Amino acid sequence: MHTQPLHAGAMASHELGDGYVAGVSWGAVFAGAAAAAALSFILLILGVGLGLSSVSPYQYNAAPLGDATIAWLAFMQLAASGIGGYMAGRLRVKWASVHGDEVHFRDTAHGLLAWAVATLATVAVLGGGTRAVLSGAIDSGAAAASVAAPALARGAGNSNTYFADMLLRSPNGEAATDAQRTEINRLLVTDLPGGKLSADDRGYLAQLVAKRTGMAQADAELRVDQVYAQAMQAANAAKAKATAAAEEARKAAAHSALWMFVALLMGAFVASLLATLGGSHRDHARVIVRTPT
């Protein structure tokens, strides 16, 4: 038994030659991917512990990423992907009779595969991160479209009956009943999206106001018009506020997605690069070769 230095292409890895050996060492790929996914998760937890709440490149973030979060995200991807790629290259099967350029390509592919498997595994473990990323922008846009009527309409639970009380305000100070408020709120909420109070609803509300306050029908209709105009103004203000919030959320989602893309791309590059380094170290390692006695 003796030892001798081994260089790339110095020893056959298969009795029939490397042409009959698979070009991908899946054991090495999965080993590197497991290491990368575990380290990525550990660093993610550490980032949360350090106060960087939006550090995951696998989930949608409603708030824009800060400089510290971006730096940590980049470090997390570089460290985890680099370790995973290096292990995938270092642990792969030795190709003795393969040209150096082909070995370099295979090492690069091993690093990229380890990064891809680790990324997909981490996304799955973190609970549908892909769906969260893709649905984030959809949810942001839907916020603008789902503008409910103003504060007066916050449910049939009578949580806000300001405009109903304005309509039913009586000179003698008698309070309106909950049933009256609910009915008026329901009528107003139904007509607000159209931007106009229907003639039937206007006439019915005017009758309710005239009956309760003793006003003439014309005066009651004038009150209905005034209150509806105020309700419409409140609805427009709420819509503008919701639209602005949705636009901010959309910008935040776009900003976060951009930096997530950059971080993941950096991870793929570093994993591929360090896989070639690991493969080089593997090929130039000193090995023990058994010889027949």
C-alpha atoms as a PDB file:
ATOM      1  CA  MET A   1       0.000   0.000   0.000  1.00  0.00           C
ATOM      2  CA  HIS A   2       1.379   3.390  -0.837  1.00  0.00           C
ATOM      3  CA  THR A   3       0.186   6.949  -1.248  1.00  0.00           C
ATOM      4  CA  GLN A   4       0.594   9.209  -4.224  1.00  0.00           C
ATOM      5  CA  PRO A   5      -0.766  12.618  -5.185  1.00  0.00           C
ATOM      6  CA  LEU A   6      -3.795  12.582  -7.443  1.00  0.00           C
ATOM      7  CA  HIS A   7      -4.555  15.187 -10.042  1.00  0.00           C
ATOM      8  CA  ALA A   8      -7.604  15.557 -12.296  1.00  0.00           C
ATOM      9  CA  GLY A   9      -7.705  12.646 -14.717  1.00  0.00           C
ATOM     10  CA  ALA A  10      -5.121  10.540 -12.858  1.00  0.00           C
ATOM     11  CA  MET A  11      -7.319   7.612 -11.824  1.00  0.00           C
ATOM     12  CA  ALA A  12     -10.284   5.936 -13.502  1.00  0.00           C
ATOM     13  CA  SER A  13     -13.441   6.040 -11.458  1.00  0.00           C
ATOM     14  CA  HIS A  14     -15.149   3.167 -13.313  1.00  0.00           C
ATOM     15  CA  GLU A  15     -13.749   0.012 -14.879  1.00  0.00           C
ATOM     16  CA  LEU A  16     -15.442   0.866 -18.191  1.00  0.00           C
ATOM     17  CA  GLY A  17     -14.387   4.512 -18.113  1.00  0.00           C
ATOM     18  CA  ASP A  18     -16.085   7.745 -17.018  1.00  0.00           C
ATOM     19  CA  GLY A  19     -18.276   7.743 -20.097  1.00  0.00           C
ATOM     20  CA  TYR A  20     -20.377   5.091 -18.383  1.00  0.00           C
ATOM     21  CA  VAL A  21     -20.711   6.981 -15.112  1.00  0.00           C
ATOM     22  CA  ALA A  22     -23.553   9.418 -14.438  1.00  0.00           C
ATOM     23  CA  GLY A  23     -22.576  13.041 -14.821  1.00  0.00           C
ATOM     24  CA  VAL A  24     -24.548  14.089 -11.731  1.00  0.00           C
ATOM     25  CA  SER A  25     -23.723  12.928  -8.226  1.00  0.00           C
ATOM     26  CA  TRP A  26     -27.140  13.306  -6.675  1.00  0.00           C
ATOM     27  CA  GLY A  27     -25.873  12.299  -3.269  1.00  0.00           C
ATOM     28  CA  ALA A  28     -23.500  15.257  -3.286  1.00  0.00           C
ATOM     29  CA  VAL A  29     -26.219  17.556  -4.632  1.00  0.00           C
ATOM     30  CA  PHE A  30     -28.691  16.618  -1.900  1.00  0.00           C
ATOM     31  CA  ALA A  31     -25.996  16.826   0.767  1.00  0.00           C
ATOM     32  CA  GLY A  32     -25.070  20.339  -0.329  1.00  0.00           C
ATOM     33  CA  ALA A  33     -28.709  21.326  -0.626  1.00  0.00           C
ATOM     34  CA  ALA A  34     -29.454  20.068   2.896  1.00  0.00           C
ATOM     35  CA  ALA A  35     -26.551  22.056   4.292  1.00  0.00           C
ATOM     36  CA  ALA A  36     -27.588  25.192   2.391  1.00  0.00           C
ATOM     37  CA  ALA A  37     -31.246  24.929   3.440  1.00  0.00           C
ATOM     38  CA  ALA A  38     -30.378  24.348   7.091  1.00  0.00           C
ATOM     39  CA  LEU A  39     -27.908  27.229   7.216  1.00  0.00           C
ATOM     40  CA  SER A  40     -30.351  29.498   5.387  1.00  0.00           C
ATOM     41  CA  PHE A  41     -33.054  28.707   7.919  1.00  0.00           C
ATOM     42  CA  ILE A  42     -30.700  29.272  10.856  1.00  0.00           C
ATOM     43  CA  LEU A  43     -29.598  32.633   9.486  1.00  0.00           C
ATOM     44  CA  LEU A  44     -33.223  33.541   8.820  1.00  0.00           C
ATOM     45  CA  ILE A  45     -34.088  32.880  12.458  1.00  0.00           C
ATOM     46  CA  LEU A  46     -31.040  34.866  13.558  1.00  0.00           C
ATOM     47  CA  GLY A  47     -32.122  37.773  11.366  1.00  0.00           C
ATOM     48  CA  VAL A  48     -35.554  37.783  12.971  1.00  0.00           C
ATOM     49  CA  GLY A  49     -33.885  37.695  16.378  1.00  0.00           C
ATOM     50  CA  LEU A  50     -31.785  40.708  15.428  1.00  0.00           C
ATOM     51  CA  GLY A  51     -34.929  42.639  14.581  1.00  0.00           C
ATOM     52  CA  LEU A  52     -34.870  42.194  10.816  1.00  0.00           C
ATOM     53  CA  SER A  53     -38.457  41.045  10.422  1.00  0.00           C
ATOM     54  CA  SER A  54     -38.476  40.985   6.607  1.00  0.00           C
ATOM     55  CA  VAL A  55     -35.476  38.833   5.831  1.00  0.00           C
ATOM     56  CA  SER A  56     -37.039  35.925   3.956  1.00  0.00           C
ATOM     57  CA  PRO A  57     -36.575  35.816   0.179  1.00  0.00           C
ATOM     58  CA  TYR A  58     -39.282  33.137   0.025  1.00  0.00           C
ATOM     59  CA  GLN A  59     -42.232  35.143   1.338  1.00  0.00           C
ATOM     60  CA  TYR A  60     -44.118  38.301   0.405  1.00  0.00           C
ATOM     61  CA  ASN A  61     -43.216  41.402   2.430  1.00  0.00           C
ATOM     62  CA  ALA A  62     -45.812  44.140   2.839  1.00  0.00           C
ATOM     63  CA  ALA A  63     -43.200  46.712   3.903  1.00  0.00           C
ATOM     64  CA  PRO A  64     -40.179  47.751   1.822  1.00  0.00           C
ATOM     65  CA  LEU A  65     -36.875  46.175   2.797  1.00  0.00           C
ATOM     66  CA  GLY A  66     -34.498  48.424   4.714  1.00  0.00           C
ATOM     67  CA  ASP A  67     -30.758  48.669   4.076  1.00  0.00           C
ATOM     68  CA  ALA A  68     -29.900  46.432   7.032  1.00  0.00           C
ATOM     69  CA  THR A  69     -32.412  43.823   5.901  1.00  0.00           C
ATOM     70  CA  ILE A  70     -31.058  43.878   2.349  1.00  0.00           C
ATOM     71  CA  ALA A  71     -27.496  43.429   3.638  1.00  0.00           C
ATOM     72  CA  TRP A  72     -28.528  40.520   5.852  1.00  0.00           C
ATOM     73  CA  LEU A  73     -30.518  38.950   3.032  1.00  0.00           C
ATOM     74  CA  ALA A  74     -27.469  39.091   0.764  1.00  0.00           C
ATOM     75  CA  PHE A  75     -25.194  37.665   3.467  1.00  0.00           C
ATOM     76  CA  MET A  76     -27.665  34.883   4.210  1.00  0.00           C
ATOM     77  CA  GLN A  77     -27.838  33.831   0.577  1.00  0.00           C
ATOM     78  CA  LEU A  78     -24.081  34.087   0.002  1.00  0.00           C
ATOM     79  CA  ALA A  79     -23.182  32.103   3.114  1.00  0.00           C
ATOM     80  CA  ALA A  80     -25.786  29.365   2.753  1.00  0.00           C
ATOM     81  CA  SER A  81     -25.420  28.958  -1.004  1.00  0.00           C
ATOM     82  CA  GLY A  82     -21.631  29.065  -0.820  1.00  0.00           C
ATOM     83  CA  ILE A  83     -21.455  26.318   1.802  1.00  0.00           C
ATOM     84  CA  GLY A  84     -23.986  24.179  -0.049  1.00  0.00           C
ATOM     85  CA  GLY A  85     -22.234  24.608  -3.391  1.00  0.00           C
ATOM     86  CA  TYR A  86     -18.804  23.842  -1.955  1.00  0.00           C
ATOM     87  CA  MET A  87     -20.067  20.650  -0.327  1.00  0.00           C
ATOM     88  CA  ALA A  88     -21.793  19.547  -3.539  1.00  0.00           C
ATOM     89  CA  GLY A  89     -18.538  19.984  -5.459  1.00  0.00           C
ATOM     90  CA  ARG A  90     -16.290  18.476  -2.805  1.00  0.00           C
ATOM     91  CA  LEU A  91     -18.444  15.386  -2.231  1.00  0.00           C
ATOM     92  CA  ARG A  92     -19.217  14.521  -5.848  1.00  0.00           C
ATOM     93  CA  VAL A  93     -17.872  11.451  -7.634  1.00  0.00           C
ATOM     94  CA  LYS A  94     -14.378  11.819  -9.044  1.00  0.00           C
ATOM     95  CA  TRP A  95     -14.217  11.933 -12.860  1.00  0.00           C
ATOM     96  CA  ALA A  96     -10.752  10.756 -13.824  1.00  0.00           C
ATOM     97  CA  SER A  97     -10.965  10.427 -17.610  1.00  0.00           C
ATOM     98  CA  VAL A  98     -13.085  13.520 -18.300  1.00  0.00           C
ATOM     99  CA  HIS A  99     -11.673  16.624 -19.920  1.00  0.00           C
ATOM    100  CA  GLY A 100     -10.980  19.519 -17.573  1.00  0.00           C
ATOM    101  CA  ASP A 101     -13.535  21.786 -19.223  1.00  0.00           C
ATOM    102  CA  GLU A 102     -16.221  19.148 -18.791  1.00  0.00           C
ATOM    103  CA  VAL A 103     -15.258  18.687 -15.144  1.00  0.00           C
ATOM    104  CA  HIS A 104     -15.559  22.435 -14.631  1.00  0.00           C
ATOM    105  CA  PHE A 105     -19.005  22.455 -16.220  1.00  0.00           C
ATOM    106  CA  ARG A 106     -20.188  19.512 -14.125  1.00  0.00           C
ATOM    107  CA  ASP A 107     -18.962  21.135 -10.934  1.00  0.00           C
ATOM    108  CA  THR A 108     -20.793  24.339 -11.848  1.00  0.00           C
ATOM    109  CA  ALA A 109     -23.946  22.338 -12.538  1.00  0.00           C
ATOM    110  CA  HIS A 110     -23.636  20.572  -9.167  1.00  0.00           C
ATOM    111  CA  GLY A 111     -23.483  23.883  -7.363  1.00  0.00           C
ATOM    112  CA  LEU A 112     -26.459  25.234  -9.281  1.00  0.00           C
ATOM    113  CA  LEU A 113     -28.480  22.077  -8.613  1.00  0.00           C
ATOM    114  CA  ALA A 114     -27.651  22.172  -4.912  1.00  0.00           C
ATOM    115  CA  TRP A 115     -28.806  25.804  -4.761  1.00  0.00           C
ATOM    116  CA  ALA A 116     -32.005  24.993  -6.677  1.00  0.00           C
ATOM    117  CA  VAL A 117     -32.903  22.020  -4.471  1.00  0.00           C
ATOM    118  CA  ALA A 118     -32.170  24.004  -1.310  1.00  0.00           C
ATOM    119  CA  THR A 119     -34.290  26.925  -2.502  1.00  0.00           C
ATOM    120  CA  LEU A 120     -37.246  24.734  -3.415  1.00  0.00           C
ATOM    121  CA  ALA A 121     -36.992  22.827  -0.132  1.00  0.00           C
ATOM    122  CA  THR A 122     -36.864  26.040   1.900  1.00  0.00           C
ATOM    123  CA  VAL A 123     -39.841  27.465   0.032  1.00  0.00           C
ATOM    124  CA  ALA A 124     -41.839  24.323   0.789  1.00  0.00           C
ATOM    125  CA  VAL A 125     -40.845  24.291   4.475  1.00  0.00           C
ATOM    126  CA  LEU A 126     -41.727  27.943   4.947  1.00  0.00           C
ATOM    127  CA  GLY A 127     -45.300  27.237   3.873  1.00  0.00           C
ATOM    128  CA  GLY A 128     -46.054  28.109   0.306  1.00  0.00           C
ATOM    129  CA  GLY A 129     -43.681  31.033  -0.071  1.00  0.00           C
ATOM    130  CA  THR A 130     -44.103  31.052  -3.839  1.00  0.00           C
ATOM    131  CA  ARG A 131     -47.843  31.507  -3.491  1.00  0.00           C
ATOM    132  CA  ALA A 132     -47.265  34.280  -0.959  1.00  0.00           C
ATOM    133  CA  VAL A 133     -44.878  36.106  -3.271  1.00  0.00           C
ATOM    134  CA  LEU A 134     -47.148  35.822  -6.294  1.00  0.00           C
ATOM    135  CA  SER A 135     -50.320  36.686  -4.393  1.00  0.00           C
ATOM    136  CA  GLY A 136     -48.787  39.681  -2.644  1.00  0.00           C
ATOM    137  CA  ALA A 137     -49.094  41.993  -5.637  1.00  0.00           C
ATOM    138  CA  ILE A 138     -52.572  40.637  -6.379  1.00  0.00           C
ATOM    139  CA  ASP A 139     -53.705  41.332  -2.845  1.00  0.00           C
ATOM    140  CA  SER A 140     -52.223  44.831  -3.019  1.00  0.00           C
ATOM    141  CA  GLY A 141     -54.131  45.638  -6.188  1.00  0.00           C
ATOM    142  CA  ALA A 142     -57.318  44.126  -4.828  1.00  0.00           C
ATOM    143  CA  ALA A 143     -57.181  46.482  -1.874  1.00  0.00           C
ATOM    144  CA  ALA A 144     -57.889  49.411  -4.165  1.00  0.00           C
ATOM    145  CA  ALA A 145     -60.720  47.630  -5.944  1.00  0.00           C
ATOM    146  CA  SER A 146     -62.387  46.445  -2.738  1.00  0.00           C
ATOM    147  CA  VAL A 147     -63.097  49.915  -1.437  1.00  0.00           C
ATOM    148  CA  ALA A 148     -66.215  49.585   0.639  1.00  0.00           C
ATOM    149  CA  ALA A 149     -68.518  52.474   1.221  1.00  0.00           C
ATOM    150  CA  PRO A 150     -67.427  54.931   3.854  1.00  0.00           C
ATOM    151  CA  ALA A 151     -67.354  54.597   7.544  1.00  0.00           C
ATOM    152  CA  LEU A 152     -71.126  54.736   7.794  1.00  0.00           C
ATOM    153  CA  ALA A 153     -71.329  51.338   6.151  1.00  0.00           C
ATOM    154  CA  ARG A 154     -69.025  49.390   8.380  1.00  0.00           C
ATOM    155  CA  GLY A 155     -71.322  46.524   8.701  1.00  0.00           C
ATOM    156  CA  ALA A 156     -74.905  45.941   9.486  1.00  0.00           C
ATOM    157  CA  GLY A 157     -73.862  45.676  13.108  1.00  0.00           C
ATOM    158  CA  ASN A 158     -74.493  49.399  13.544  1.00  0.00           C
ATOM    159  CA  SER A 159     -70.841  50.107  14.374  1.00  0.00           C
ATOM    160  CA  ASN A 160     -71.209  53.546  12.795  1.00  0.00           C
ATOM    161  CA  THR A 161     -74.618  55.192  12.366  1.00  0.00           C
ATOM    162  CA  TYR A 162     -73.561  58.781  12.035  1.00  0.00           C
ATOM    163  CA  PHE A 163     -75.308  59.480   8.728  1.00  0.00           C
ATOM    164  CA  ALA A 164     -78.438  57.624   9.769  1.00  0.00           C
ATOM    165  CA  ASP A 165     -78.615  59.750  12.911  1.00  0.00           C
ATOM    166  CA  MET A 166     -78.214  62.880  10.801  1.00  0.00           C
ATOM    167  CA  LEU A 167     -81.203  61.879   8.696  1.00  0.00           C
ATOM    168  CA  LEU A 168     -83.375  60.920  11.633  1.00  0.00           C
ATOM    169  CA  ARG A 169     -82.401  63.798  13.898  1.00  0.00           C
ATOM    170  CA  SER A 170     -85.587  64.926  15.619  1.00  0.00           C
ATOM    171  CA  PRO A 171     -86.366  68.363  17.079  1.00  0.00           C
ATOM    172  CA  ASN A 172     -87.523  66.788  20.337  1.00  0.00           C
ATOM    173  CA  GLY A 173     -84.240  64.915  20.781  1.00  0.00           C
ATOM    174  CA  GLU A 174     -85.802  61.465  20.542  1.00  0.00           C
ATOM    175  CA  ALA A 175     -83.182  58.863  19.589  1.00  0.00           C
ATOM    176  CA  ALA A 176     -83.693  56.651  16.551  1.00  0.00           C
ATOM    177  CA  THR A 177     -84.005  52.913  17.000  1.00  0.00           C
ATOM    178  CA  ASP A 178     -81.368  50.443  15.901  1.00  0.00           C
ATOM    179  CA  ALA A 179     -83.747  48.987  13.340  1.00  0.00           C
ATOM    180  CA  GLN A 180     -84.223  52.425  11.734  1.00  0.00           C
ATOM    181  CA  ARG A 181     -80.477  53.060  11.639  1.00  0.00           C
ATOM    182  CA  THR A 182     -79.777  49.657  10.094  1.00  0.00           C
ATOM    183  CA  GLU A 183     -82.395  50.151   7.399  1.00  0.00           C
ATOM    184  CA  ILE A 184     -81.105  53.588   6.436  1.00  0.00           C
ATOM    185  CA  ASN A 185     -77.489  52.423   6.447  1.00  0.00           C
ATOM    186  CA  ARG A 186     -78.417  49.550   4.180  1.00  0.00           C
ATOM    187  CA  LEU A 187     -80.124  51.854   1.703  1.00  0.00           C
ATOM    188  CA  LEU A 188     -77.260  54.317   1.629  1.00  0.00           C
ATOM    189  CA  VAL A 189     -74.603  51.628   1.300  1.00  0.00           C
ATOM    190  CA  THR A 190     -76.463  50.065  -1.615  1.00  0.00           C
ATOM    191  CA  ASP A 191     -76.611  53.336  -3.548  1.00  0.00           C
ATOM    192  CA  LEU A 192     -73.159  54.700  -2.725  1.00  0.00           C
ATOM    193  CA  PRO A 193     -71.150  52.605  -5.246  1.00  0.00           C
ATOM    194  CA  GLY A 194     -73.333  53.933  -8.073  1.00  0.00           C
ATOM    195  CA  GLY A 195     -72.684  57.505  -7.026  1.00  0.00           C
ATOM    196  CA  LYS A 196     -76.368  58.392  -7.098  1.00  0.00           C
ATOM    197  CA  LEU A 197     -79.328  57.834  -4.789  1.00  0.00           C
ATOM    198  CA  SER A 198     -82.132  56.088  -6.625  1.00  0.00           C
ATOM    199  CA  ALA A 199     -85.459  57.927  -6.915  1.00  0.00           C
ATOM    200  CA  ASP A 200     -87.339  55.240  -4.976  1.00  0.00           C
ATOM    201  CA  ASP A 201     -84.829  55.211  -2.122  1.00  0.00           C
ATOM    202  CA  ARG A 202     -84.731  59.004  -2.053  1.00  0.00           C
ATOM    203  CA  GLY A 203     -88.503  59.229  -1.818  1.00  0.00           C
ATOM    204  CA  TYR A 204     -88.683  56.516   0.850  1.00  0.00           C
ATOM    205  CA  LEU A 205     -85.986  58.126   2.977  1.00  0.00           C
ATOM    206  CA  ALA A 206     -87.674  61.482   2.652  1.00  0.00           C
ATOM    207  CA  GLN A 207     -90.932  59.944   3.906  1.00  0.00           C
ATOM    208  CA  LEU A 208     -89.142  58.465   6.907  1.00  0.00           C
ATOM    209  CA  VAL A 209     -87.538  61.806   7.712  1.00  0.00           C
ATOM    210  CA  ALA A 210     -90.800  63.738   7.248  1.00  0.00           C
ATOM    211  CA  LYS A 211     -92.710  61.297   9.438  1.00  0.00           C
ATOM    212  CA  ARG A 212     -90.149  61.389  12.232  1.00  0.00           C
ATOM    213  CA  THR A 213     -89.318  65.112  12.228  1.00  0.00           C
ATOM    214  CA  GLY A 214     -92.578  66.637  11.018  1.00  0.00           C
ATOM    215  CA  MET A 215     -90.823  68.303   8.079  1.00  0.00           C
ATOM    216  CA  ALA A 216     -92.510  69.013   4.788  1.00  0.00           C
ATOM    217  CA  GLN A 217     -91.742  66.482   2.067  1.00  0.00           C
ATOM    218  CA  ALA A 218     -89.635  68.973   0.126  1.00  0.00           C
ATOM    219  CA  ASP A 219     -87.554  69.827   3.199  1.00  0.00           C
ATOM    220  CA  ALA A 220     -87.128  66.141   4.002  1.00  0.00           C
ATOM    221  CA  GLU A 221     -85.901  65.480   0.467  1.00  0.00           C
ATOM    222  CA  LEU A 222     -83.440  68.346   0.811  1.00  0.00           C
ATOM    223  CA  ARG A 223     -82.068  66.819   4.032  1.00  0.00           C
ATOM    224  CA  VAL A 224     -81.735  63.446   2.320  1.00  0.00           C
ATOM    225  CA  ASP A 225     -79.785  65.044  -0.530  1.00  0.00           C
ATOM    226  CA  GLN A 226     -77.476  66.881   1.867  1.00  0.00           C
ATOM    227  CA  VAL A 227     -76.757  63.821   3.986  1.00  0.00           C
ATOM    228  CA  TYR A 228     -76.208  61.653   0.929  1.00  0.00           C
ATOM    229  CA  ALA A 229     -73.760  64.239  -0.459  1.00  0.00           C
ATOM    230  CA  GLN A 230     -71.793  64.102   2.804  1.00  0.00           C
ATOM    231  CA  ALA A 231     -71.839  60.302   2.729  1.00  0.00           C
ATOM    232  CA  MET A 232     -70.606  60.349  -0.850  1.00  0.00           C
ATOM    233  CA  GLN A 233     -67.792  62.716   0.103  1.00  0.00           C
ATOM    234  CA  ALA A 234     -66.776  60.386   2.917  1.00  0.00           C
ATOM    235  CA  ALA A 235     -66.886  57.429   0.527  1.00  0.00           C
ATOM    236  CA  ASN A 236     -64.627  59.202  -1.969  1.00  0.00           C
ATOM    237  CA  ALA A 237     -62.170  60.092   0.792  1.00  0.00           C
ATOM    238  CA  ALA A 238     -62.104  56.475   1.961  1.00  0.00           C
ATOM    239  CA  LYS A 239     -61.586  55.297  -1.609  1.00  0.00           C
ATOM    240  CA  ALA A 240     -58.710  57.709  -2.157  1.00  0.00           C
ATOM    241  CA  LYS A 241     -57.090  56.593   1.083  1.00  0.00           C
ATOM    242  CA  ALA A 242     -57.461  52.926   0.177  1.00  0.00           C
ATOM    243  CA  THR A 243     -56.066  53.545  -3.304  1.00  0.00           C
ATOM    244  CA  ALA A 244     -53.036  55.347  -1.892  1.00  0.00           C
ATOM    245  CA  ALA A 245     -52.447  52.522   0.594  1.00  0.00           C
ATOM    246  CA  ALA A 246     -52.701  49.952  -2.195  1.00  0.00           C
ATOM    247  CA  GLU A 247     -50.210  51.891  -4.316  1.00  0.00           C
ATOM    248  CA  GLU A 248     -47.760  52.032  -1.415  1.00  0.00           C
ATOM    249  CA  ALA A 249     -48.185  48.298  -0.886  1.00  0.00           C
ATOM    250  CA  ARG A 250     -47.588  47.683  -4.587  1.00  0.00           C
ATOM    251  CA  LYS A 251     -44.385  49.720  -4.546  1.00  0.00           C
ATOM    252  CA  ALA A 252     -43.219  47.926  -1.404  1.00  0.00           C
ATOM    253  CA  ALA A 253     -43.928  44.561  -3.002  1.00  0.00           C
ATOM    254  CA  ALA A 254     -42.032  45.506  -6.163  1.00  0.00           C
ATOM    255  CA  HIS A 255     -39.071  46.830  -4.154  1.00  0.00           C
ATOM    256  CA  SER A 256     -38.933  43.702  -2.001  1.00  0.00           C
ATOM    257  CA  ALA A 257     -39.315  41.357  -4.964  1.00  0.00           C
ATOM    258  CA  LEU A 258     -36.455  43.074  -6.788  1.00  0.00           C
ATOM    259  CA  TRP A 259     -34.022  42.635  -3.908  1.00  0.00           C
ATOM    260  CA  MET A 260     -35.208  39.074  -3.339  1.00  0.00           C
ATOM    261  CA  PHE A 261     -34.423  38.326  -6.978  1.00  0.00           C
ATOM    262  CA  VAL A 262     -30.959  39.878  -6.660  1.00  0.00           C
ATOM    263  CA  ALA A 263     -30.215  37.926  -3.474  1.00  0.00           C
ATOM    264  CA  LEU A 264     -31.331  34.611  -4.966  1.00  0.00           C
ATOM    265  CA  LEU A 265     -29.357  35.255  -8.153  1.00  0.00           C
ATOM    266  CA  MET A 266     -26.251  35.986  -6.087  1.00  0.00           C
ATOM    267  CA  GLY A 267     -26.832  32.747  -4.204  1.00  0.00           C
ATOM    268  CA  ALA A 268     -27.007  30.759  -7.432  1.00  0.00           C
ATOM    269  CA  PHE A 269     -23.774  32.332  -8.704  1.00  0.00           C
ATOM    270  CA  VAL A 270     -21.832  31.769  -5.482  1.00  0.00           C
ATOM    271  CA  ALA A 271     -23.066  28.181  -5.162  1.00  0.00           C
ATOM    272  CA  SER A 272     -21.899  27.421  -8.708  1.00  0.00           C
ATOM    273  CA  LEU A 273     -18.559  29.167  -8.172  1.00  0.00           C
ATOM    274  CA  LEU A 274     -17.725  27.441  -4.890  1.00  0.00           C
ATOM    275  CA  ALA A 275     -18.781  24.087  -6.301  1.00  0.00           C
ATOM    276  CA  THR A 276     -15.920  24.375  -8.797  1.00  0.00           C
ATOM    277  CA  LEU A 277     -13.584  25.177  -5.903  1.00  0.00           C
ATOM    278  CA  GLY A 278     -14.812  22.190  -3.926  1.00  0.00           C
ATOM    279  CA  GLY A 279     -14.455  19.937  -6.954  1.00  0.00           C
ATOM    280  CA  SER A 280     -10.932  21.188  -7.523  1.00  0.00           C
ATOM    281  CA  HIS A 281     -10.000  20.422  -3.930  1.00  0.00           C
ATOM    282  CA  ARG A 282     -11.576  16.989  -4.306  1.00  0.00           C
ATOM    283  CA  ASP A 283      -9.610  16.173  -7.461  1.00  0.00           C
ATOM    284  CA  HIS A 284      -6.288  17.273  -5.992  1.00  0.00           C
ATOM    285  CA  ALA A 285      -6.719  15.447  -2.703  1.00  0.00           C
ATOM    286  CA  ARG A 286      -4.233  12.782  -1.683  1.00  0.00           C
ATOM    287  CA  VAL A 287      -5.772   9.327  -1.769  1.00  0.00           C
ATOM    288  CA  ILE A 288      -4.748   5.813  -0.793  1.00  0.00           C
ATOM    289  CA  VAL A 289      -4.621   3.370  -3.705  1.00  0.00           C
ATOM    290  CA  ARG A 290      -4.618  -0.387  -3.057  1.00  0.00           C
ATOM    291  CA  THR A 291      -2.263  -2.405  -5.246  1.00  0.00           C
ATOM    292  CA  PRO A 292      -2.280  -6.170  -5.722  1.00  0.00           C
ATOM    293  CA  THR A 293       0.246  -7.967  -3.570  1.00  0.00           C
END
